C-alpha atoms as a PDB file:
ATOM      1  CA  UNK A   1      11.951  10.301   0.959  1.00  0.00           C
ATOM      2  CA  UNK A   2      13.262  13.815   0.876  1.00  0.00           C
ATOM      3  CA  UNK A   3      11.128  14.840  -2.031  1.00  0.00           C
ATOM      4  CA  UNK A   4       8.083  13.415  -0.188  1.00  0.00           C
ATOM      5  CA  UNK A   5       8.670  15.291   2.942  1.00  0.00           C
ATOM      6  CA  UNK A   6       9.161  18.472   0.833  1.00  0.00           C
ATOM      7  CA  UNK A   7       5.923  17.709  -0.875  1.00  0.00           C
ATOM      8  CA  UNK A   8       4.160  17.207   2.571  1.00  0.00           C
ATOM      9  CA  UNK A   9       5.146  20.326   4.341  1.00  0.00           C
ATOM     10  CA  UNK A  10       4.584  22.423   1.222  1.00  0.00           C
ATOM     11  CA  UNK A  11       0.848  21.056   1.251  1.00  0.00           C
ATOM     12  CA  UNK A  12       0.481  21.511   4.991  1.00  0.00           C
ATOM     13  CA  UNK A  13       1.500  25.283   4.520  1.00  0.00           C
ATOM     14  CA  UNK A  14      -0.974  25.650   1.488  1.00  0.00           C
ATOM     15  CA  UNK A  15      -3.734  24.230   3.753  1.00  0.00           C
ATOM     16  CA  UNK A  16      -2.961  26.447   6.509  1.00  0.00           C
ATOM     17  CA  UNK A  17      -3.077  29.552   4.547  1.00  0.00           C
ATOM     18  CA  UNK A  18      -5.617  28.716   1.853  1.00  0.00           C
ATOM     19  CA  UNK A  19      -8.848  30.113   3.893  1.00  0.00           C
ATOM     20  CA  UNK A  20      -7.576  33.817   3.693  1.00  0.00           C
ATOM     21  CA  UNK A  21      -7.638  33.248  -0.124  1.00  0.00           C
ATOM     22  CA  UNK A  22     -10.661  31.014  -0.662  1.00  0.00           C
ATOM     23  CA  UNK A  23     -13.658  33.218   0.186  1.00  0.00           C
ATOM     24  CA  UNK A  24     -15.933  32.824  -3.364  1.00  0.00           C
ATOM     25  CA  UNK A  25     -18.351  35.813  -3.384  1.00  0.00           C
ATOM     26  CA  UNK A  26     -22.115  35.286  -4.469  1.00  0.00           C
ATOM     27  CA  UNK A  27     -21.134  36.311  -7.891  1.00  0.00           C
ATOM     28  CA  UNK A  28     -18.451  33.656  -8.262  1.00  0.00           C
ATOM     29  CA  UNK A  29     -18.875  31.960 -11.616  1.00  0.00           C
ATOM     30  CA  UNK A  30     -20.282  28.376 -11.559  1.00  0.00           C
ATOM     31  CA  UNK A  31     -17.729  25.709 -12.563  1.00  0.00           C
ATOM     32  CA  UNK A  32     -20.508  23.758 -14.454  1.00  0.00           C
ATOM     33  CA  UNK A  33     -18.982  22.384 -17.810  1.00  0.00           C
ATOM     34  CA  UNK A  34     -15.961  24.694 -17.344  1.00  0.00           C
ATOM     35  CA  UNK A  35     -12.737  23.737 -19.085  1.00  0.00           C
ATOM     36  CA  UNK A  36      -9.558  23.607 -17.051  1.00  0.00           C
ATOM     37  CA  UNK A  37      -5.763  23.113 -17.444  1.00  0.00           C
ATOM     38  CA  UNK A  38      -3.369  21.713 -14.683  1.00  0.00           C
ATOM     39  CA  UNK A  39      -0.250  20.080 -13.886  1.00  0.00           C
ATOM     40  CA  UNK A  40       1.485  18.006 -11.186  1.00  0.00           C
ATOM     41  CA  UNK A  41       4.971  17.139  -9.981  1.00  0.00           C
ATOM     42  CA  UNK A  42       5.935  14.486  -7.374  1.00  0.00           C
ATOM     43  CA  UNK A  43       7.773  11.564  -6.254  1.00  0.00           C
ATOM     44  CA  UNK A  44       7.257   8.085  -8.087  1.00  0.00           C
ATOM     45  CA  UNK A  45       8.323   5.597  -5.157  1.00  0.00           C
ATOM     46  CA  UNK A  46      10.552   2.738  -5.848  1.00  0.00           C
ATOM     47  CA  UNK A  47       9.122  -0.701  -6.782  1.00  0.00           C
ATOM     48  CA  UNK A  48      10.078  -4.048  -7.698  1.00  0.00           C
ATOM     49  CA  UNK A  49       9.986  -5.515 -11.367  1.00  0.00           C
ATOM     50  CA  UNK A  50      10.662  -9.044 -12.425  1.00  0.00           C
ATOM     51  CA  UNK A  51      11.799 -10.110 -16.064  1.00  0.00           C
ATOM     52  CA  UNK A  52      10.972 -13.913 -16.245  1.00  0.00           C
ATOM     53  CA  UNK A  53      11.620 -16.415 -19.173  1.00  0.00           C
ATOM     54  CA  UNK A  54      14.282 -18.843 -20.680  1.00  0.00           C
ATOM     55  CA  UNK A  55      17.080 -18.618 -23.091  1.00  0.00           C
ATOM     56  CA  UNK A  56      17.311 -20.512 -26.351  1.00  0.00           C
ATOM     57  CA  UNK A  57      18.512 -23.698 -24.438  1.00  0.00           C
ATOM     58  CA  UNK A  58      15.629 -23.789 -22.093  1.00  0.00           C
ATOM     59  CA  UNK A  59      17.551 -22.315 -18.982  1.00  0.00           C
ATOM     60  CA  UNK A  60      15.328 -19.925 -17.068  1.00  0.00           C
ATOM     61  CA  UNK A  61      16.248 -16.489 -16.739  1.00  0.00           C
ATOM     62  CA  UNK A  62      14.670 -14.739 -13.791  1.00  0.00           C
ATOM     63  CA  UNK A  63      15.882 -10.965 -13.092  1.00  0.00           C
ATOM     64  CA  UNK A  64      14.818  -8.743 -10.383  1.00  0.00           C
ATOM     65  CA  UNK A  65      15.023  -5.126 -10.488  1.00  0.00           C
ATOM     66  CA  UNK A  66      14.088  -2.898  -7.371  1.00  0.00           C
ATOM     67  CA  UNK A  67      14.240   0.707  -8.267  1.00  0.00           C
ATOM     68  CA  UNK A  68      14.812   3.962  -6.310  1.00  0.00           C
ATOM     69  CA  UNK A  69      12.268   6.799  -5.637  1.00  0.00           C
ATOM     70  CA  UNK A  70      12.662   9.386  -8.465  1.00  0.00           C
ATOM     71  CA  UNK A  71      10.612  12.093  -9.903  1.00  0.00           C
ATOM     72  CA  UNK A  72       7.350  12.202 -12.042  1.00  0.00           C
ATOM     73  CA  UNK A  73       5.311  14.933 -13.545  1.00  0.00           C
ATOM     74  CA  UNK A  74       2.453  15.660 -15.758  1.00  0.00           C
ATOM     75  CA  UNK A  75      -0.063  18.035 -17.708  1.00  0.00           C
ATOM     76  CA  UNK A  76      -3.787  17.558 -18.346  1.00  0.00           C
ATOM     77  CA  UNK A  77      -6.724  19.365 -19.887  1.00  0.00           C
ATOM     78  CA  UNK A  78     -10.208  18.822 -18.746  1.00  0.00           C
ATOM     79  CA  UNK A  79     -13.691  19.618 -18.235  1.00  0.00           C
ATOM     80  CA  UNK A  80     -16.337  19.571 -15.462  1.00  0.00           C
ATOM     81  CA  UNK A  81     -19.008  17.096 -17.027  1.00  0.00           C
ATOM     82  CA  UNK A  82     -21.564  17.531 -14.341  1.00  0.00           C
ATOM     83  CA  UNK A  83     -22.311  19.010 -11.102  1.00  0.00           C
ATOM     84  CA  UNK A  84     -24.817  18.979  -8.269  1.00  0.00           C
ATOM     85  CA  UNK A  85     -25.358  18.827  -4.531  1.00  0.00           C
ATOM     86  CA  UNK A  86     -23.791  15.141  -4.478  1.00  0.00           C
ATOM     87  CA  UNK A  87     -20.314  16.785  -6.034  1.00  0.00           C
ATOM     88  CA  UNK A  88     -18.921  16.848  -9.458  1.00  0.00           C
ATOM     89  CA  UNK A  89     -17.524  14.610 -12.322  1.00  0.00           C
ATOM     90  CA  UNK A  90     -14.683  15.707 -14.210  1.00  0.00           C
ATOM     91  CA  UNK A  91     -13.099  14.040 -17.605  1.00  0.00           C
ATOM     92  CA  UNK A  92      -9.570  14.986 -18.448  1.00  0.00           C
ATOM     93  CA  UNK A  93      -6.763  13.950 -20.871  1.00  0.00           C
ATOM     94  CA  UNK A  94      -3.313  13.578 -19.133  1.00  0.00           C
ATOM     95  CA  UNK A  95       0.332  13.253 -20.356  1.00  0.00           C
ATOM     96  CA  UNK A  96       2.888  12.367 -17.822  1.00  0.00           C
ATOM     97  CA  UNK A  97       6.372  10.969 -17.453  1.00  0.00           C
ATOM     98  CA  UNK A  98       8.466   9.771 -15.034  1.00  0.00           C
ATOM     99  CA  UNK A  99      12.075   7.841 -14.475  1.00  0.00           C
ATOM    100  CA  UNK A 100      13.457   5.359 -12.262  1.00  0.00           C
ATOM    101  CA  UNK A 101      17.070   4.373 -11.307  1.00  0.00           C
ATOM    102  CA  UNK A 102      17.484   0.551 -10.719  1.00  0.00           C
ATOM    103  CA  UNK A 103      19.254   0.084  -7.174  1.00  0.00           C
ATOM    104  CA  UNK A 104      20.207  -3.654  -7.918  1.00  0.00           C
ATOM    105  CA  UNK A 105      20.108  -6.398 -10.153  1.00  0.00           C
ATOM    106  CA  UNK A 106      19.447 -10.119  -9.280  1.00  0.00           C
ATOM    107  CA  UNK A 107      19.588 -12.755 -11.656  1.00  0.00           C
ATOM    108  CA  UNK A 108      18.516 -16.258 -10.938  1.00  0.00           C
ATOM    109  CA  UNK A 109      18.618 -15.284  -7.035  1.00  0.00           C
ATOM    110  CA  UNK A 110      22.263 -14.167  -7.380  1.00  0.00           C
ATOM    111  CA  UNK A 111      23.126 -10.422  -7.258  1.00  0.00           C
ATOM    112  CA  UNK A 112      24.868  -9.287 -10.454  1.00  0.00           C
ATOM    113  CA  UNK A 113      27.325  -6.357 -11.048  1.00  0.00           C
ATOM    114  CA  UNK A 114      25.100  -3.645 -12.225  1.00  0.00           C
ATOM    115  CA  UNK A 115      26.683  -1.118 -14.736  1.00  0.00           C
ATOM    116  CA  UNK A 116      23.721   0.972 -15.642  1.00  0.00           C
ATOM    117  CA  UNK A 117      19.962   0.846 -14.696  1.00  0.00           C
ATOM    118  CA  UNK A 118      17.314   2.962 -15.695  1.00  0.00           C
ATOM    119  CA  UNK A 119      13.570   3.047 -16.648  1.00  0.00           C
ATOM    120  CA  UNK A 120      11.523   5.811 -18.349  1.00  0.00           C
ATOM    121  CA  UNK A 121       8.025   5.834 -18.560  1.00  0.00           C
ATOM    122  CA  UNK A 122       5.609   7.956 -20.504  1.00  0.00           C
ATOM    123  CA  UNK A 123       1.736   7.601 -20.528  1.00  0.00           C
ATOM    124  CA  UNK A 124      -1.193   9.215 -22.332  1.00  0.00           C
ATOM    125  CA  UNK A 125      -4.500   8.798 -20.168  1.00  0.00           C
ATOM    126  CA  UNK A 126      -8.244   9.563 -20.108  1.00  0.00           C
ATOM    127  CA  UNK A 127      -9.377   9.995 -16.608  1.00  0.00           C
ATOM    128  CA  UNK A 128     -12.489  10.101 -14.975  1.00  0.00           C
ATOM    129  CA  UNK A 129     -12.684  11.610 -11.666  1.00  0.00           C
ATOM    130  CA  UNK A 130     -15.311  12.188  -8.877  1.00  0.00           C
ATOM    131  CA  UNK A 131     -15.100  15.190  -6.557  1.00  0.00           C
ATOM    132  CA  UNK A 132     -17.002  15.475  -3.256  1.00  0.00           C
ATOM    133  CA  UNK A 133     -19.030  19.023  -2.397  1.00  0.00           C
ATOM    134  CA  UNK A 134     -16.760  21.408  -0.726  1.00  0.00           C
ATOM    135  CA  UNK A 135     -15.946  20.477   2.816  1.00  0.00           C
ATOM    136  CA  UNK A 136     -16.059  23.829   5.008  1.00  0.00           C
ATOM    137  CA  UNK A 137     -16.571  25.795   1.667  1.00  0.00           C
ATOM    138  CA  UNK A 138     -12.702  24.905   0.783  1.00  0.00           C
ATOM    139  CA  UNK A 139     -11.714  21.149   0.218  1.00  0.00           C
ATOM    140  CA  UNK A 140     -12.879  18.821  -1.894  1.00  0.00           C
ATOM    141  CA  UNK A 141     -11.952  14.852  -1.684  1.00  0.00           C
ATOM    142  CA  UNK A 142     -11.390  13.070  -5.296  1.00  0.00           C
ATOM    143  CA  UNK A 143     -11.338   9.638  -6.433  1.00  0.00           C
ATOM    144  CA  UNK A 144     -11.228   8.172  -9.916  1.00  0.00           C
ATOM    145  CA  UNK A 145      -9.430   6.195 -12.527  1.00  0.00           C
ATOM    146  CA  UNK A 146      -7.939   6.356 -15.942  1.00  0.00           C
ATOM    147  CA  UNK A 147      -7.024   4.234 -19.002  1.00  0.00           C
ATOM    148  CA  UNK A 148      -4.596   4.794 -21.910  1.00  0.00           C
ATOM    149  CA  UNK A 149      -1.420   3.975 -23.359  1.00  0.00           C
ATOM    150  CA  UNK A 150       2.127   3.605 -21.849  1.00  0.00           C
ATOM    151  CA  UNK A 151       5.693   3.545 -23.322  1.00  0.00           C
ATOM    152  CA  UNK A 152       8.869   2.361 -21.408  1.00  0.00           C
ATOM    153  CA  UNK A 153      12.306   2.777 -22.217  1.00  0.00           C
ATOM    154  CA  UNK A 154      14.881   0.295 -20.341  1.00  0.00           C
ATOM    155  CA  UNK A 155      18.403   0.697 -20.425  1.00  0.00           C
ATOM    156  CA  UNK A 156      19.867  -1.881 -18.267  1.00  0.00           C
ATOM    157  CA  UNK A 157      23.582  -3.336 -18.483  1.00  0.00           C
ATOM    158  CA  UNK A 158      25.340  -5.764 -15.943  1.00  0.00           C
ATOM    159  CA  UNK A 159      27.896  -8.248 -15.782  1.00  0.00           C
ATOM    160  CA  UNK A 160      27.063 -11.956 -15.092  1.00  0.00           C
ATOM    161  CA  UNK A 161      30.194 -12.315 -13.235  1.00  0.00           C
ATOM    162  CA  UNK A 162      33.668 -10.282 -12.852  1.00  0.00           C
ATOM    163  CA  UNK A 163      34.871 -11.886 -16.025  1.00  0.00           C
ATOM    164  CA  UNK A 164      31.568 -11.208 -17.977  1.00  0.00           C
ATOM    165  CA  UNK A 165      29.833 -11.710 -20.274  1.00  0.00           C
ATOM    166  CA  UNK A 166      28.061  -8.326 -20.116  1.00  0.00           C
ATOM    167  CA  UNK A 167      24.504  -8.116 -20.811  1.00  0.00           C
ATOM    168  CA  UNK A 168      22.382  -5.594 -22.208  1.00  0.00           C
ATOM    169  CA  UNK A 169      18.791  -4.931 -22.008  1.00  0.00           C
ATOM    170  CA  UNK A 170      17.991  -2.026 -24.123  1.00  0.00           C
ATOM    171  CA  UNK A 171      14.252  -2.456 -25.079  1.00  0.00           C
ATOM    172  CA  UNK A 172      11.740   0.284 -25.856  1.00  0.00           C
ATOM    173  CA  UNK A 173       8.158  -0.746 -25.757  1.00  0.00           C
ATOM    174  CA  UNK A 174       5.156   1.388 -26.676  1.00  0.00           C
ATOM    175  CA  UNK A 175       1.537   0.961 -27.232  1.00  0.00           C
ATOM    176  CA  UNK A 176       0.968  -1.058 -24.253  1.00  0.00           C
ATOM    177  CA  UNK A 177      -2.513  -0.750 -22.223  1.00  0.00           C
ATOM    178  CA  UNK A 178      -2.139   1.203 -18.857  1.00  0.00           C
ATOM    179  CA  UNK A 179      -4.572   2.098 -16.170  1.00  0.00           C
ATOM    180  CA  UNK A 180      -4.404   4.119 -13.050  1.00  0.00           C
ATOM    181  CA  UNK A 181      -6.257   4.605  -9.909  1.00  0.00           C
ATOM    182  CA  UNK A 182      -6.184   8.163  -8.424  1.00  0.00           C
ATOM    183  CA  UNK A 183      -7.049   9.542  -5.018  1.00  0.00           C
ATOM    184  CA  UNK A 184      -6.619  12.931  -3.576  1.00  0.00           C
ATOM    185  CA  UNK A 185      -7.901  16.389  -2.381  1.00  0.00           C
ATOM    186  CA  UNK A 186      -8.091  19.918  -3.615  1.00  0.00           C
ATOM    187  CA  UNK A 187      -8.005  23.378  -2.198  1.00  0.00           C
ATOM    188  CA  UNK A 188      -9.921  26.301  -3.641  1.00  0.00           C
ATOM    189  CA  UNK A 189      -7.749  29.527  -4.044  1.00  0.00           C
ATOM    190  CA  UNK A 190     -10.158  32.272  -5.235  1.00  0.00           C
ATOM    191  CA  UNK A 191     -12.473  31.644  -8.187  1.00  0.00           C
ATOM    192  CA  UNK A 192     -10.351  29.787 -10.881  1.00  0.00           C
ATOM    193  CA  UNK A 193      -7.323  28.135  -8.979  1.00  0.00           C
ATOM    194  CA  UNK A 194      -7.291  24.819  -7.312  1.00  0.00           C
ATOM    195  CA  UNK A 195      -4.351  23.410  -5.440  1.00  0.00           C
ATOM    196  CA  UNK A 196      -4.370  19.598  -5.759  1.00  0.00           C
ATOM    197  CA  UNK A 197      -2.513  16.559  -4.016  1.00  0.00           C
ATOM    198  CA  UNK A 198      -2.966  12.922  -5.357  1.00  0.00           C
ATOM    199  CA  UNK A 199      -1.814   9.333  -4.885  1.00  0.00           C
ATOM    200  CA  UNK A 200      -1.429   7.662  -8.266  1.00  0.00           C
ATOM    201  CA  UNK A 201      -1.060   3.947  -8.735  1.00  0.00           C
ATOM    202  CA  UNK A 202      -0.057   3.141 -12.384  1.00  0.00           C
ATOM    203  CA  UNK A 203      -0.003  -0.379 -14.031  1.00  0.00           C
ATOM    204  CA  UNK A 204       1.170  -1.266 -17.407  1.00  0.00           C
ATOM    205  CA  UNK A 205       0.115  -4.596 -19.214  1.00  0.00           C
ATOM    206  CA  UNK A 206       2.348  -7.487 -19.625  1.00  0.00           C
ATOM    207  CA  UNK A 207       5.165  -6.962 -22.254  1.00  0.00           C
ATOM    208  CA  UNK A 208       8.466  -8.336 -23.463  1.00  0.00           C
ATOM    209  CA  UNK A 209      12.025  -7.143 -23.438  1.00  0.00           C
ATOM    210  CA  UNK A 210      15.093  -8.496 -25.343  1.00  0.00           C
ATOM    211  CA  UNK A 211      18.282  -9.466 -23.365  1.00  0.00           C
ATOM    212  CA  UNK A 212      21.456  -9.499 -25.239  1.00  0.00           C
ATOM    213  CA  UNK A 213      24.827 -11.128 -24.594  1.00  0.00           C
ATOM    214  CA  UNK A 214      26.771  -7.981 -25.563  1.00  0.00           C
ATOM    215  CA  UNK A 215      30.217  -9.840 -25.257  1.00  0.00           C
ATOM    216  CA  UNK A 216      28.984 -12.332 -27.806  1.00  0.00           C
ATOM    217  CA  UNK A 217      26.870 -10.029 -29.768  1.00  0.00           C
ATOM    218  CA  UNK A 218      23.920 -12.372 -29.567  1.00  0.00           C
ATOM    219  CA  UNK A 219      20.296 -12.172 -28.370  1.00  0.00           C
ATOM    220  CA  UNK A 220      20.306 -14.401 -25.258  1.00  0.00           C
ATOM    221  CA  UNK A 221      16.548 -14.489 -24.340  1.00  0.00           C
ATOM    222  CA  UNK A 222      13.103 -12.527 -24.571  1.00  0.00           C
ATOM    223  CA  UNK A 223      11.619 -11.967 -21.092  1.00  0.00           C
ATOM    224  CA  UNK A 224       7.968 -11.081 -19.996  1.00  0.00           C
ATOM    225  CA  UNK A 225       7.318  -8.557 -17.433  1.00  0.00           C
ATOM    226  CA  UNK A 226       4.722  -6.198 -15.977  1.00  0.00           C
ATOM    227  CA  UNK A 227       5.299  -2.600 -14.536  1.00  0.00           C
ATOM    228  CA  UNK A 228       3.526  -0.968 -11.788  1.00  0.00           C
ATOM    229  CA  UNK A 229       4.338   1.945  -9.288  1.00  0.00           C
ATOM    230  CA  UNK A 230       2.840   4.095  -6.895  1.00  0.00           C
ATOM    231  CA  UNK A 231       3.477   8.075  -6.729  1.00  0.00           C
ATOM    232  CA  UNK A 232       2.601  10.903  -4.554  1.00  0.00           C
ATOM    233  CA  UNK A 233       2.047  14.358  -6.452  1.00  0.00           C
ATOM    234  CA  UNK A 234       1.223  18.057  -5.917  1.00  0.00           C
ATOM    235  CA  UNK A 235      -0.270  20.362  -8.568  1.00  0.00           C
ATOM    236  CA  UNK A 236      -2.957  22.852  -9.429  1.00  0.00           C
ATOM    237  CA  UNK A 237      -6.068  23.286 -11.948  1.00  0.00           C
ATOM    238  CA  UNK A 238      -6.836  26.543 -13.722  1.00  0.00           C
ATOM    239  CA  UNK A 239     -10.279  26.910 -14.479  1.00  0.00           C
ATOM    240  CA  UNK A 240     -10.705  29.012 -18.098  1.00  0.00           C
END
């Protein structure tokens, strides 16, 4: 929550001082079909994730892994594809990454001793965004969506009981369909720079992870899961 508060205060300061810098002259270059580069940094909020399935004897394995909030960031390159009195449409390619630490692990409704818990996510997305016309010649509101590919690295270790056995979920999965929804706003600073703030919802399609009995050195089960998360970010776009 501290990172979210810092981001919010920083954006409030930007909106307060931006009018002094955002007066485009009549000869300002128009952004039709202009390319841009940008980046963002923010807080990916904690969320729950459940792994479910059964072991080779048919006994159920349901693992709940709520996570802590942690950092996320990304870069993009894009272009204004169309613009008019109604606003503008942008198309962009985005590369992002984030990491979340697991707060606790619950197996079959019983909390277990968590030895290590981390999820690292990278994604490559193509986004289509709509921006409103400038409000007060300054602020644009934005909404859009993206689709692409995501990879997730799981590094989870826990003890089933005080005496073991120790269980590992060291799975790396890649090439899974992902989509995201984005909503936010941008503030013009001069002719080429826009400061941005967004809320991003990311969802990764169903995939499987392997659960190993590290004590016995055997594969215990293969579990199915889905990943989803919400993030708040701040960033910039620079028009070339």
